[in-house]
């Protein structure tokens, strides 16, 4: 290959490289231009959707949104203040012996509240859900005082509410034990296991109570209204009742429901029944059929109801720890006092 041929080959190689570079640049610019065009079309579609939305994308909309946020924040603050209005101030630092003494003194005062059990609302020796502390020598543990303080103050509130509404007898009141949370699953080695999701922060702590009482319908209605209207945030979870009078036994309710028929029949041995037993059974069936046909005329307002009531109290933690003198002198007031007393108040 001579000199001219070498020169021409070098020029051709350079031209080929330049052509390839220009082709690559043209292809890259074309692809980038296509991407920019697609992005531009997407933005146009997004703007078109925003223009057709219910909230227009303008400064006026931003102003309205800020105003709505302020209104919502104010409503939330007012709702929280209303719900937390009845929060009880914790008693603060105290010793187990002092707390037990306070429980005994409060229980003595609660036992004097009016009711239908020889003029009192409870029978002698009633434990108010804590018989081991009130009637026995058990001493509360120091680490449990915070929980016991809340449970006892709310027990006093509920008992005073029942007495103020005219409940005949408080049969039992028991605070529910707190449910133990399940342990979170452990993360597997190597980072493959999932982390347990974090629980949202609770805005209120709940405490449930189960109450059994005997009361007339008017008194029971007052109890429900007093709980609903009281300052303390209390929810009624469930309630049930049966009649505990003669009509209740006829209808198969109350304590006589299991043996209503047996109570009406004379006690005889199974061997000695024979014809006589069959005849008495027929007579009882006829009497019940006659009662069913004729019906019973009663006054429901005079009936005695055996009531089971389940409630849950909520505390939002809005009250600071009370001072020592406030803890000694301040007692939870009954919500029933706000409801007042009516002329038809029952025993």
C-alpha atoms as a PDB file:
ATOM      1  CA  UNK A   1       0.000   0.000   0.000  1.00  0.00           C
ATOM      2  CA  UNK A   2       1.441   3.306  -1.121  1.00  0.00           C
ATOM      3  CA  UNK A   3       1.416   6.614   0.721  1.00  0.00           C
ATOM      4  CA  UNK A   4      -1.727   7.953  -0.952  1.00  0.00           C
ATOM      5  CA  UNK A   5      -3.703   4.835  -0.134  1.00  0.00           C
ATOM      6  CA  UNK A   6      -2.672   5.048   3.512  1.00  0.00           C
ATOM      7  CA  UNK A   7      -3.742   8.679   3.678  1.00  0.00           C
ATOM      8  CA  UNK A   8      -7.110   7.940   2.113  1.00  0.00           C
ATOM      9  CA  UNK A   9      -7.708   5.025   4.484  1.00  0.00           C
ATOM     10  CA  UNK A  10      -6.937   7.198   7.517  1.00  0.00           C
ATOM     11  CA  UNK A  11      -9.278   9.932   6.261  1.00  0.00           C
ATOM     12  CA  UNK A  12     -12.020   7.352   5.665  1.00  0.00           C
ATOM     13  CA  UNK A  13     -11.612   5.907   9.183  1.00  0.00           C
ATOM     14  CA  UNK A  14     -11.831   9.331  10.758  1.00  0.00           C
ATOM     15  CA  UNK A  15     -14.914  10.151   8.678  1.00  0.00           C
ATOM     16  CA  UNK A  16     -16.553   6.880   9.728  1.00  0.00           C
ATOM     17  CA  UNK A  17     -15.917   7.568  13.430  1.00  0.00           C
ATOM     18  CA  UNK A  18     -17.263  11.097  13.031  1.00  0.00           C
ATOM     19  CA  UNK A  19     -20.369   9.770  11.275  1.00  0.00           C
ATOM     20  CA  UNK A  20     -20.968   7.239  14.044  1.00  0.00           C
ATOM     21  CA  UNK A  21     -20.584   9.944  16.696  1.00  0.00           C
ATOM     22  CA  UNK A  22     -22.996  12.235  14.907  1.00  0.00           C
ATOM     23  CA  UNK A  23     -25.470   9.374  14.513  1.00  0.00           C
ATOM     24  CA  UNK A  24     -25.257   8.514  18.206  1.00  0.00           C
ATOM     25  CA  UNK A  25     -25.718  12.137  19.225  1.00  0.00           C
ATOM     26  CA  UNK A  26     -28.704  12.481  16.907  1.00  0.00           C
ATOM     27  CA  UNK A  27     -30.285   9.263  18.305  1.00  0.00           C
ATOM     28  CA  UNK A  28     -29.663  10.328  21.918  1.00  0.00           C
ATOM     29  CA  UNK A  29     -31.125  13.782  21.295  1.00  0.00           C
ATOM     30  CA  UNK A  30     -34.159  12.208  19.656  1.00  0.00           C
ATOM     31  CA  UNK A  31     -34.751   9.886  22.669  1.00  0.00           C
ATOM     32  CA  UNK A  32     -34.303  12.727  25.158  1.00  0.00           C
ATOM     33  CA  UNK A  33     -36.637  14.896  23.126  1.00  0.00           C
ATOM     34  CA  UNK A  34     -39.257  12.104  23.217  1.00  0.00           C
ATOM     35  CA  UNK A  35     -38.940  11.802  26.988  1.00  0.00           C
ATOM     36  CA  UNK A  36     -39.287  15.547  27.442  1.00  0.00           C
ATOM     37  CA  UNK A  37     -42.308  15.525  25.189  1.00  0.00           C
ATOM     38  CA  UNK A  38     -43.948  12.728  27.192  1.00  0.00           C
ATOM     39  CA  UNK A  39     -43.163  14.561  30.457  1.00  0.00           C
ATOM     40  CA  UNK A  40     -44.666  17.731  29.043  1.00  0.00           C
ATOM     41  CA  UNK A  41     -47.833  15.911  28.018  1.00  0.00           C
ATOM     42  CA  UNK A  42     -48.094  14.379  31.518  1.00  0.00           C
ATOM     43  CA  UNK A  43     -47.814  17.800  33.155  1.00  0.00           C
ATOM     44  CA  UNK A  44     -50.464  19.168  30.799  1.00  0.00           C
ATOM     45  CA  UNK A  45     -52.810  16.301  31.733  1.00  0.00           C
ATOM     46  CA  UNK A  46     -52.121  16.871  35.448  1.00  0.00           C
ATOM     47  CA  UNK A  47     -52.888  20.590  35.130  1.00  0.00           C
ATOM     48  CA  UNK A  48     -56.056  19.788  33.212  1.00  0.00           C
ATOM     49  CA  UNK A  49     -57.206  17.418  35.992  1.00  0.00           C
ATOM     50  CA  UNK A  50     -56.434  19.990  38.670  1.00  0.00           C
ATOM     51  CA  UNK A  51     -58.428  22.631  36.839  1.00  0.00           C
ATOM     52  CA  UNK A  52     -61.436  20.295  36.713  1.00  0.00           C
ATOM     53  CA  UNK A  53     -61.175  19.248  40.411  1.00  0.00           C
ATOM     54  CA  UNK A  54     -63.597  20.397  43.102  1.00  0.00           C
ATOM     55  CA  UNK A  55     -60.814  22.400  44.763  1.00  0.00           C
ATOM     56  CA  UNK A  56     -59.157  24.695  42.308  1.00  0.00           C
ATOM     57  CA  UNK A  57     -55.342  25.015  42.524  1.00  0.00           C
ATOM     58  CA  UNK A  58     -55.167  28.641  43.479  1.00  0.00           C
ATOM     59  CA  UNK A  59     -54.256  30.856  46.408  1.00  0.00           C
ATOM     60  CA  UNK A  60     -57.896  31.162  47.432  1.00  0.00           C
ATOM     61  CA  UNK A  61     -58.134  27.391  47.894  1.00  0.00           C
ATOM     62  CA  UNK A  62     -54.984  27.346  50.033  1.00  0.00           C
ATOM     63  CA  UNK A  63     -56.480  30.067  52.205  1.00  0.00           C
ATOM     64  CA  UNK A  64     -59.718  28.115  52.655  1.00  0.00           C
ATOM     65  CA  UNK A  65     -57.816  24.953  53.537  1.00  0.00           C
ATOM     66  CA  UNK A  66     -55.823  26.799  56.198  1.00  0.00           C
ATOM     67  CA  UNK A  67     -59.062  28.224  57.633  1.00  0.00           C
ATOM     68  CA  UNK A  68     -60.622  24.744  57.761  1.00  0.00           C
ATOM     69  CA  UNK A  69     -57.542  23.372  59.507  1.00  0.00           C
ATOM     70  CA  UNK A  70     -57.835  26.091  62.147  1.00  0.00           C
ATOM     71  CA  UNK A  71     -61.557  25.339  62.673  1.00  0.00           C
ATOM     72  CA  UNK A  72     -60.828  21.600  62.979  1.00  0.00           C
ATOM     73  CA  UNK A  73     -58.033  22.221  65.478  1.00  0.00           C
ATOM     74  CA  UNK A  74     -60.335  24.445  67.564  1.00  0.00           C
ATOM     75  CA  UNK A  75     -63.122  21.838  67.487  1.00  0.00           C
ATOM     76  CA  UNK A  76     -60.695  19.110  68.528  1.00  0.00           C
ATOM     77  CA  UNK A  77     -59.432  21.215  71.419  1.00  0.00           C
ATOM     78  CA  UNK A  78     -62.987  21.938  72.628  1.00  0.00           C
ATOM     79  CA  UNK A  79     -64.043  18.285  72.267  1.00  0.00           C
ATOM     80  CA  UNK A  80     -61.001  17.118  74.220  1.00  0.00           C
ATOM     81  CA  UNK A  81     -61.662  19.672  76.975  1.00  0.00           C
ATOM     82  CA  UNK A  82     -65.295  18.516  77.226  1.00  0.00           C
ATOM     83  CA  UNK A  83     -64.351  14.828  77.318  1.00  0.00           C
ATOM     84  CA  UNK A  84     -61.575  15.411  79.867  1.00  0.00           C
ATOM     85  CA  UNK A  85     -63.697  17.657  82.095  1.00  0.00           C
ATOM     86  CA  UNK A  86     -64.265  14.883  84.622  1.00  0.00           C
ATOM     87  CA  UNK A  87     -60.686  13.637  84.828  1.00  0.00           C
ATOM     88  CA  UNK A  88     -59.749  12.956  88.430  1.00  0.00           C
ATOM     89  CA  UNK A  89     -56.531  14.320  89.869  1.00  0.00           C
ATOM     90  CA  UNK A  90     -54.253  11.514  91.098  1.00  0.00           C
ATOM     91  CA  UNK A  91     -53.647  11.459  94.827  1.00  0.00           C
ATOM     92  CA  UNK A  92     -49.882  11.751  94.405  1.00  0.00           C
ATOM     93  CA  UNK A  93     -47.314  10.228  96.716  1.00  0.00           C
ATOM     94  CA  UNK A  94     -48.770   8.104  99.510  1.00  0.00           C
ATOM     95  CA  UNK A  95     -47.919   4.957 101.436  1.00  0.00           C
ATOM     96  CA  UNK A  96     -49.767   1.628 101.246  1.00  0.00           C
ATOM     97  CA  UNK A  97     -50.859   1.967 104.874  1.00  0.00           C
ATOM     98  CA  UNK A  98     -52.254   5.481 104.335  1.00  0.00           C
ATOM     99  CA  UNK A  99     -54.079   4.383 101.200  1.00  0.00           C
ATOM    100  CA  UNK A 100     -55.600   1.385 102.972  1.00  0.00           C
ATOM    101  CA  UNK A 101     -56.754   3.645 105.800  1.00  0.00           C
ATOM    102  CA  UNK A 102     -58.405   5.969 103.286  1.00  0.00           C
ATOM    103  CA  UNK A 103     -60.199   3.025 101.663  1.00  0.00           C
ATOM    104  CA  UNK A 104     -61.530   1.833 105.021  1.00  0.00           C
ATOM    105  CA  UNK A 105     -62.777   5.300 105.959  1.00  0.00           C
ATOM    106  CA  UNK A 106     -64.407   5.835 102.541  1.00  0.00           C
ATOM    107  CA  UNK A 107     -66.040   2.400 102.713  1.00  0.00           C
ATOM    108  CA  UNK A 108     -67.488   3.254 106.115  1.00  0.00           C
ATOM    109  CA  UNK A 109     -68.943   6.438 104.644  1.00  0.00           C
ATOM    110  CA  UNK A 110     -70.321   4.650 101.566  1.00  0.00           C
ATOM    111  CA  UNK A 111     -71.998   2.032 103.758  1.00  0.00           C
ATOM    112  CA  UNK A 112     -74.117   4.794 105.296  1.00  0.00           C
ATOM    113  CA  UNK A 113     -75.575   5.907 101.966  1.00  0.00           C
ATOM    114  CA  UNK A 114     -79.373   5.472 101.831  1.00  0.00           C
ATOM    115  CA  UNK A 115     -80.943   2.409 100.254  1.00  0.00           C
ATOM    116  CA  UNK A 116     -83.390  -0.415 100.769  1.00  0.00           C
ATOM    117  CA  UNK A 117     -81.258  -2.709 102.950  1.00  0.00           C
ATOM    118  CA  UNK A 118     -82.336  -1.634 106.434  1.00  0.00           C
ATOM    119  CA  UNK A 119     -81.974   1.957 105.274  1.00  0.00           C
ATOM    120  CA  UNK A 120     -78.567   1.441 103.635  1.00  0.00           C
ATOM    121  CA  UNK A 121     -77.571   0.732 100.049  1.00  0.00           C
ATOM    122  CA  UNK A 122     -75.374  -2.261 100.942  1.00  0.00           C
ATOM    123  CA  UNK A 123     -75.418  -5.093 103.423  1.00  0.00           C
ATOM    124  CA  UNK A 124     -73.094  -4.987 106.450  1.00  0.00           C
ATOM    125  CA  UNK A 125     -69.515  -5.956 105.658  1.00  0.00           C
ATOM    126  CA  UNK A 126     -69.753  -5.045 101.983  1.00  0.00           C
ATOM    127  CA  UNK A 127     -66.299  -4.942 100.356  1.00  0.00           C
ATOM    128  CA  UNK A 128     -66.983  -2.546  97.443  1.00  0.00           C
ATOM    129  CA  UNK A 129     -64.865  -4.672  95.120  1.00  0.00           C
ATOM    130  CA  UNK A 130     -61.836  -4.693  97.455  1.00  0.00           C
ATOM    131  CA  UNK A 131     -62.807  -6.943 100.383  1.00  0.00           C
ATOM    132  CA  UNK A 132     -59.234  -8.029 101.075  1.00  0.00           C
ATOM    133  CA  UNK A 133     -58.204  -4.415 101.773  1.00  0.00           C
ATOM    134  CA  UNK A 134     -61.384  -3.190 103.463  1.00  0.00           C
ATOM    135  CA  UNK A 135     -62.528  -6.177 105.520  1.00  0.00           C
ATOM    136  CA  UNK A 136     -59.300  -8.141 105.826  1.00  0.00           C
ATOM    137  CA  UNK A 137     -55.705  -7.448 106.693  1.00  0.00           C
ATOM    138  CA  UNK A 138     -54.252  -7.413 103.178  1.00  0.00           C
ATOM    139  CA  UNK A 139     -52.033  -4.455 102.344  1.00  0.00           C
ATOM    140  CA  UNK A 140     -51.868  -2.961  98.815  1.00  0.00           C
ATOM    141  CA  UNK A 141     -48.539  -3.081  97.023  1.00  0.00           C
ATOM    142  CA  UNK A 142     -46.692   0.175  96.453  1.00  0.00           C
ATOM    143  CA  UNK A 143     -46.396  -0.402  92.692  1.00  0.00           C
ATOM    144  CA  UNK A 144     -50.173  -0.876  92.426  1.00  0.00           C
ATOM    145  CA  UNK A 145     -51.186   2.319  94.232  1.00  0.00           C
ATOM    146  CA  UNK A 146     -51.609   4.402  91.070  1.00  0.00           C
ATOM    147  CA  UNK A 147     -54.055   1.905  89.546  1.00  0.00           C
ATOM    148  CA  UNK A 148     -55.834   1.292  92.856  1.00  0.00           C
ATOM    149  CA  UNK A 149     -56.202   5.021  93.445  1.00  0.00           C
ATOM    150  CA  UNK A 150     -58.083   5.442  90.183  1.00  0.00           C
ATOM    151  CA  UNK A 151     -60.203   2.322  90.669  1.00  0.00           C
ATOM    152  CA  UNK A 152     -61.161   3.294  94.200  1.00  0.00           C
ATOM    153  CA  UNK A 153     -62.021   6.916  93.382  1.00  0.00           C
ATOM    154  CA  UNK A 154     -64.204   5.764  90.493  1.00  0.00           C
ATOM    155  CA  UNK A 155     -65.827   3.101  92.658  1.00  0.00           C
ATOM    156  CA  UNK A 156     -66.758   5.804  95.163  1.00  0.00           C
ATOM    157  CA  UNK A 157     -68.149   7.933  92.336  1.00  0.00           C
ATOM    158  CA  UNK A 158     -70.283   5.096  90.956  1.00  0.00           C
ATOM    159  CA  UNK A 159     -71.611   4.044  94.384  1.00  0.00           C
ATOM    160  CA  UNK A 160     -72.590   7.625  95.231  1.00  0.00           C
ATOM    161  CA  UNK A 161     -74.273   7.920  91.846  1.00  0.00           C
ATOM    162  CA  UNK A 162     -76.341   4.779  92.472  1.00  0.00           C
ATOM    163  CA  UNK A 163     -77.347   5.945  95.930  1.00  0.00           C
ATOM    164  CA  UNK A 164     -78.282   9.392  94.659  1.00  0.00           C
ATOM    165  CA  UNK A 165     -80.531   7.836  92.023  1.00  0.00           C
ATOM    166  CA  UNK A 166     -82.481   5.737  94.532  1.00  0.00           C
ATOM    167  CA  UNK A 167     -81.042   2.255  93.940  1.00  0.00           C
ATOM    168  CA  UNK A 168     -82.406  -0.181  96.521  1.00  0.00           C
ATOM    169  CA  UNK A 169     -79.320  -2.364  96.932  1.00  0.00           C
ATOM    170  CA  UNK A 170     -75.845  -2.559  95.488  1.00  0.00           C
ATOM    171  CA  UNK A 171     -75.167  -6.288  95.250  1.00  0.00           C
ATOM    172  CA  UNK A 172     -71.627  -6.115  93.865  1.00  0.00           C
ATOM    173  CA  UNK A 173     -69.204  -3.827  92.059  1.00  0.00           C
ATOM    174  CA  UNK A 174     -65.990  -5.183  90.579  1.00  0.00           C
ATOM    175  CA  UNK A 175     -63.251  -3.425  88.605  1.00  0.00           C
ATOM    176  CA  UNK A 176     -62.138  -5.451  85.593  1.00  0.00           C
ATOM    177  CA  UNK A 177     -58.557  -6.565  85.502  1.00  0.00           C
ATOM    178  CA  UNK A 178     -56.419  -4.998  82.780  1.00  0.00           C
ATOM    179  CA  UNK A 179     -55.771  -7.278  79.805  1.00  0.00           C
ATOM    180  CA  UNK A 180     -52.155  -8.272  79.395  1.00  0.00           C
ATOM    181  CA  UNK A 181     -50.770  -7.266  76.014  1.00  0.00           C
ATOM    182  CA  UNK A 182     -49.403 -10.010  73.782  1.00  0.00           C
ATOM    183  CA  UNK A 183     -45.648  -9.985  73.308  1.00  0.00           C
ATOM    184  CA  UNK A 184     -44.544  -8.561  69.969  1.00  0.00           C
ATOM    185  CA  UNK A 185     -43.089 -11.161  67.554  1.00  0.00           C
ATOM    186  CA  UNK A 186     -39.290 -11.239  67.592  1.00  0.00           C
ATOM    187  CA  UNK A 187     -37.483 -10.128  64.472  1.00  0.00           C
ATOM    188  CA  UNK A 188     -35.744 -12.963  62.632  1.00  0.00           C
ATOM    189  CA  UNK A 189     -32.008 -12.957  62.214  1.00  0.00           C
ATOM    190  CA  UNK A 190     -30.651 -11.487  59.028  1.00  0.00           C
ATOM    191  CA  UNK A 191     -33.261  -8.751  58.889  1.00  0.00           C
ATOM    192  CA  UNK A 192     -35.779 -10.902  56.999  1.00  0.00           C
ATOM    193  CA  UNK A 193     -38.488 -10.804  59.665  1.00  0.00           C
ATOM    194  CA  UNK A 194     -41.067  -8.053  59.739  1.00  0.00           C
ATOM    195  CA  UNK A 195     -41.067  -5.472  62.469  1.00  0.00           C
ATOM    196  CA  UNK A 196     -44.240  -5.270  64.511  1.00  0.00           C
ATOM    197  CA  UNK A 197     -46.195  -2.125  63.617  1.00  0.00           C
ATOM    198  CA  UNK A 198     -46.046   0.582  66.243  1.00  0.00           C
ATOM    199  CA  UNK A 199     -49.293   1.063  68.139  1.00  0.00           C
ATOM    200  CA  UNK A 200     -50.816   4.534  67.955  1.00  0.00           C
ATOM    201  CA  UNK A 201     -50.559   6.552  71.130  1.00  0.00           C
ATOM    202  CA  UNK A 202     -53.712   6.240  73.222  1.00  0.00           C
ATOM    203  CA  UNK A 203     -55.408   9.524  74.054  1.00  0.00           C
ATOM    204  CA  UNK A 204     -57.248   8.013  77.038  1.00  0.00           C
ATOM    205  CA  UNK A 205     -56.855   5.105  79.459  1.00  0.00           C
ATOM    206  CA  UNK A 206     -59.883   2.859  80.005  1.00  0.00           C
ATOM    207  CA  UNK A 207     -61.088   1.035  83.127  1.00  0.00           C
ATOM    208  CA  UNK A 208     -64.144  -1.249  83.125  1.00  0.00           C
ATOM    209  CA  UNK A 209     -66.493  -2.110  85.996  1.00  0.00           C
ATOM    210  CA  UNK A 210     -69.240  -4.696  86.423  1.00  0.00           C
ATOM    211  CA  UNK A 211     -72.103  -3.658  88.692  1.00  0.00           C
ATOM    212  CA  UNK A 212     -74.994  -5.719  90.036  1.00  0.00           C
ATOM    213  CA  UNK A 213     -77.858  -3.989  91.811  1.00  0.00           C
ATOM    214  CA  UNK A 214     -81.522  -4.188  92.722  1.00  0.00           C
ATOM    215  CA  UNK A 215     -83.619  -1.174  91.779  1.00  0.00           C
ATOM    216  CA  UNK A 216     -87.014  -0.092  90.543  1.00  0.00           C
ATOM    217  CA  UNK A 217     -87.390   1.025  86.910  1.00  0.00           C
ATOM    218  CA  UNK A 218     -87.512   4.744  87.750  1.00  0.00           C
ATOM    219  CA  UNK A 219     -84.265   4.489  89.725  1.00  0.00           C
ATOM    220  CA  UNK A 220     -82.592   2.549  86.912  1.00  0.00           C
ATOM    221  CA  UNK A 221     -83.571   5.249  84.404  1.00  0.00           C
ATOM    222  CA  UNK A 222     -82.062   7.871  86.728  1.00  0.00           C
ATOM    223  CA  UNK A 223     -78.814   5.891  86.889  1.00  0.00           C
ATOM    224  CA  UNK A 224     -78.544   5.768  83.095  1.00  0.00           C
ATOM    225  CA  UNK A 225     -79.233   9.497  82.780  1.00  0.00           C
ATOM    226  CA  UNK A 226     -76.821  10.399  85.586  1.00  0.00           C
ATOM    227  CA  UNK A 227     -74.002   8.434  83.925  1.00  0.00           C
ATOM    228  CA  UNK A 228     -74.734  10.043  80.554  1.00  0.00           C
ATOM    229  CA  UNK A 229     -74.934  13.581  81.973  1.00  0.00           C
ATOM    230  CA  UNK A 230     -72.058  13.391  84.454  1.00  0.00           C
ATOM    231  CA  UNK A 231     -68.713  15.131  83.978  1.00  0.00           C
ATOM    232  CA  UNK A 232     -66.767  11.879  84.080  1.00  0.00           C
ATOM    233  CA  UNK A 233     -66.490  10.289  80.617  1.00  0.00           C
ATOM    234  CA  UNK A 234     -68.268   6.942  81.142  1.00  0.00           C
ATOM    235  CA  UNK A 235     -69.599   4.598  78.470  1.00  0.00           C
ATOM    236  CA  UNK A 236     -72.336   2.041  79.186  1.00  0.00           C
ATOM    237  CA  UNK A 237     -71.097  -1.145  77.538  1.00  0.00           C
ATOM    238  CA  UNK A 238     -73.961  -3.497  78.348  1.00  0.00           C
ATOM    239  CA  UNK A 239     -76.866  -4.031  80.731  1.00  0.00           C
ATOM    240  CA  UNK A 240     -79.474  -6.688  81.456  1.00  0.00           C
ATOM    241  CA  UNK A 241     -82.212  -7.110  84.053  1.00  0.00           C
ATOM    242  CA  UNK A 242     -84.821  -9.560  85.347  1.00  0.00           C
ATOM    243  CA  UNK A 243     -87.761  -9.153  87.677  1.00  0.00           C
ATOM    244  CA  UNK A 244     -87.251 -10.325  91.251  1.00  0.00           C
ATOM    245  CA  UNK A 245     -90.862 -10.247  92.480  1.00  0.00           C
ATOM    246  CA  UNK A 246     -93.837 -12.628  92.407  1.00  0.00           C
ATOM    247  CA  UNK A 247     -94.600 -11.811  88.782  1.00  0.00           C
ATOM    248  CA  UNK A 248     -91.002 -12.521  87.873  1.00  0.00           C
ATOM    249  CA  UNK A 249     -91.316 -15.993  89.358  1.00  0.00           C
ATOM    250  CA  UNK A 250     -94.542 -16.606  87.412  1.00  0.00           C
ATOM    251  CA  UNK A 251     -92.858 -15.471  84.205  1.00  0.00           C
ATOM    252  CA  UNK A 252     -89.839 -17.659  84.929  1.00  0.00           C
ATOM    253  CA  UNK A 253     -87.441 -14.783  85.614  1.00  0.00           C
ATOM    254  CA  UNK A 254     -85.208 -13.915  88.504  1.00  0.00           C
ATOM    255  CA  UNK A 255     -84.131 -16.293  91.212  1.00  0.00           C
ATOM    256  CA  UNK A 256     -87.214 -18.485  90.816  1.00  0.00           C
ATOM    257  CA  UNK A 257     -86.820 -19.157  87.078  1.00  0.00           C
ATOM    258  CA  UNK A 258     -85.041 -22.488  87.491  1.00  0.00           C
ATOM    259  CA  UNK A 259     -87.552 -23.947  89.896  1.00  0.00           C
ATOM    260  CA  UNK A 260     -90.723 -21.939  89.433  1.00  0.00           C
ATOM    261  CA  UNK A 261     -92.834 -24.998  88.748  1.00  0.00           C
ATOM    262  CA  UNK A 262     -91.238 -26.998  91.551  1.00  0.00           C
ATOM    263  CA  UNK A 263     -91.788 -24.148  94.041  1.00  0.00           C
ATOM    264  CA  UNK A 264     -95.528 -24.110  93.266  1.00  0.00           C
ATOM    265  CA  UNK A 265     -95.909 -27.872  93.559  1.00  0.00           C
ATOM    266  CA  UNK A 266     -95.814 -29.756  96.896  1.00  0.00           C
ATOM    267  CA  UNK A 267     -92.636 -31.701  97.509  1.00  0.00           C
ATOM    268  CA  UNK A 268     -93.154 -35.427  97.104  1.00  0.00           C
ATOM    269  CA  UNK A 269     -90.860 -38.289  96.419  1.00  0.00           C
ATOM    270  CA  UNK A 270     -90.735 -39.564  92.846  1.00  0.00           C
ATOM    271  CA  UNK A 271     -91.984 -42.996  93.940  1.00  0.00           C
ATOM    272  CA  UNK A 272     -95.138 -41.625  95.608  1.00  0.00           C
ATOM    273  CA  UNK A 273     -96.370 -39.483  92.745  1.00  0.00           C
ATOM    274  CA  UNK A 274     -98.528 -41.869  90.734  1.00  0.00           C
ATOM    275  CA  UNK A 275    -101.972 -40.610  89.829  1.00  0.00           C
ATOM    276  CA  UNK A 276    -101.897 -37.908  92.474  1.00  0.00           C
ATOM    277  CA  UNK A 277     -98.749 -36.382  91.057  1.00  0.00           C
ATOM    278  CA  UNK A 278    -100.081 -36.504  87.516  1.00  0.00           C
ATOM    279  CA  UNK A 279    -103.359 -34.908  88.639  1.00  0.00           C
ATOM    280  CA  UNK A 280    -101.529 -32.049  90.382  1.00  0.00           C
ATOM    281  CA  UNK A 281     -99.377 -31.521  87.296  1.00  0.00           C
ATOM    282  CA  UNK A 282    -102.517 -31.259  85.154  1.00  0.00           C
ATOM    283  CA  UNK A 283    -104.072 -28.763  87.581  1.00  0.00           C
ATOM    284  CA  UNK A 284    -100.943 -26.608  87.505  1.00  0.00           C
ATOM    285  CA  UNK A 285    -100.929 -26.678  83.709  1.00  0.00           C
ATOM    286  CA  UNK A 286    -104.571 -25.586  83.663  1.00  0.00           C
ATOM    287  CA  UNK A 287    -103.824 -22.735  86.090  1.00  0.00           C
ATOM    288  CA  UNK A 288    -100.925 -21.512  83.969  1.00  0.00           C
ATOM    289  CA  UNK A 289    -103.040 -21.732  80.812  1.00  0.00           C
ATOM    290  CA  UNK A 290    -105.808 -19.761  82.552  1.00  0.00           C
ATOM    291  CA  UNK A 291    -103.320 -17.091  83.624  1.00  0.00           C
ATOM    292  CA  UNK A 292    -101.970 -16.895  80.086  1.00  0.00           C
ATOM    293  CA  UNK A 293    -105.476 -16.418  78.657  1.00  0.00           C
ATOM    294  CA  UNK A 294    -106.614 -13.844  81.208  1.00  0.00           C
ATOM    295  CA  UNK A 295    -103.331 -11.959  81.453  1.00  0.00           C
ATOM    296  CA  UNK A 296    -101.855 -10.223  84.476  1.00  0.00           C
ATOM    297  CA  UNK A 297    -102.584  -6.680  85.601  1.00  0.00           C
ATOM    298  CA  UNK A 298     -99.480  -5.213  87.250  1.00  0.00           C
ATOM    299  CA  UNK A 299     -97.821  -1.886  87.918  1.00  0.00           C
ATOM    300  CA  UNK A 300     -94.347  -2.032  86.265  1.00  0.00           C
ATOM    301  CA  UNK A 301     -93.141   0.980  88.250  1.00  0.00           C
ATOM    302  CA  UNK A 302     -93.306  -1.032  91.489  1.00  0.00           C
ATOM    303  CA  UNK A 303     -91.332  -3.999  90.148  1.00  0.00           C
ATOM    304  CA  UNK A 304     -87.936  -4.780  91.614  1.00  0.00           C
ATOM    305  CA  UNK A 305     -85.320  -5.406  88.929  1.00  0.00           C
ATOM    306  CA  UNK A 306     -82.103  -7.351  89.343  1.00  0.00           C
ATOM    307  CA  UNK A 307     -79.775  -5.370  87.070  1.00  0.00           C
ATOM    308  CA  UNK A 308     -76.323  -6.114  85.713  1.00  0.00           C
ATOM    309  CA  UNK A 309     -74.552  -3.042  84.349  1.00  0.00           C
ATOM    310  CA  UNK A 310     -71.141  -2.953  82.639  1.00  0.00           C
ATOM    311  CA  UNK A 311     -69.471   0.437  82.234  1.00  0.00           C
ATOM    312  CA  UNK A 312     -66.076   1.742  81.150  1.00  0.00           C
ATOM    313  CA  UNK A 313     -64.508   4.971  82.368  1.00  0.00           C
ATOM    314  CA  UNK A 314     -61.995   6.961  80.323  1.00  0.00           C
ATOM    315  CA  UNK A 315     -59.310   9.237  81.705  1.00  0.00           C
ATOM    316  CA  UNK A 316     -57.480  11.621  79.374  1.00  0.00           C
ATOM    317  CA  UNK A 317     -54.721  12.489  81.827  1.00  0.00           C
ATOM    318  CA  UNK A 318     -55.500  16.194  81.776  1.00  0.00           C
ATOM    319  CA  UNK A 319     -55.412  16.702  85.552  1.00  0.00           C
ATOM    320  CA  UNK A 320     -52.057  17.167  87.309  1.00  0.00           C
ATOM    321  CA  UNK A 321     -51.158  15.357  90.486  1.00  0.00           C
ATOM    322  CA  UNK A 322     -53.041  16.989  93.341  1.00  0.00           C
ATOM    323  CA  UNK A 323     -51.292  18.573  96.257  1.00  0.00           C
ATOM    324  CA  UNK A 324     -51.236  16.710  99.536  1.00  0.00           C
ATOM    325  CA  UNK A 325     -53.950  18.852 101.129  1.00  0.00           C
ATOM    326  CA  UNK A 326     -56.170  18.608  98.016  1.00  0.00           C
ATOM    327  CA  UNK A 327     -55.784  14.847  97.976  1.00  0.00           C
ATOM    328  CA  UNK A 328     -56.976  14.629 101.532  1.00  0.00           C
ATOM    329  CA  UNK A 329     -59.919  17.019 101.266  1.00  0.00           C
ATOM    330  CA  UNK A 330     -61.222  16.587  97.727  1.00  0.00           C
ATOM    331  CA  UNK A 331     -63.618  13.698  97.166  1.00  0.00           C
ATOM    332  CA  UNK A 332     -65.234  12.618  93.877  1.00  0.00           C
ATOM    333  CA  UNK A 333     -68.786  13.955  93.723  1.00  0.00           C
ATOM    334  CA  UNK A 334     -71.633  11.841  92.432  1.00  0.00           C
ATOM    335  CA  UNK A 335     -72.879  12.628  88.975  1.00  0.00           C
ATOM    336  CA  UNK A 336     -76.381  11.962  90.231  1.00  0.00           C
ATOM    337  CA  UNK A 337     -76.345  15.218  92.199  1.00  0.00           C
ATOM    338  CA  UNK A 338     -76.503  17.097  88.932  1.00  0.00           C
ATOM    339  CA  UNK A 339     -79.608  15.136  87.965  1.00  0.00           C
ATOM    340  CA  UNK A 340     -81.367  16.236  91.185  1.00  0.00           C
ATOM    341  CA  UNK A 341     -84.138  14.395  92.974  1.00  0.00           C
ATOM    342  CA  UNK A 342     -87.663  14.007  91.672  1.00  0.00           C
ATOM    343  CA  UNK A 343     -90.923  13.423  93.439  1.00  0.00           C
ATOM    344  CA  UNK A 344     -91.063   9.878  92.099  1.00  0.00           C
ATOM    345  CA  UNK A 345     -87.721   8.852  93.626  1.00  0.00           C
ATOM    346  CA  UNK A 346     -87.795   5.217  94.660  1.00  0.00           C
ATOM    347  CA  UNK A 347     -86.129   3.481  97.557  1.00  0.00           C
END
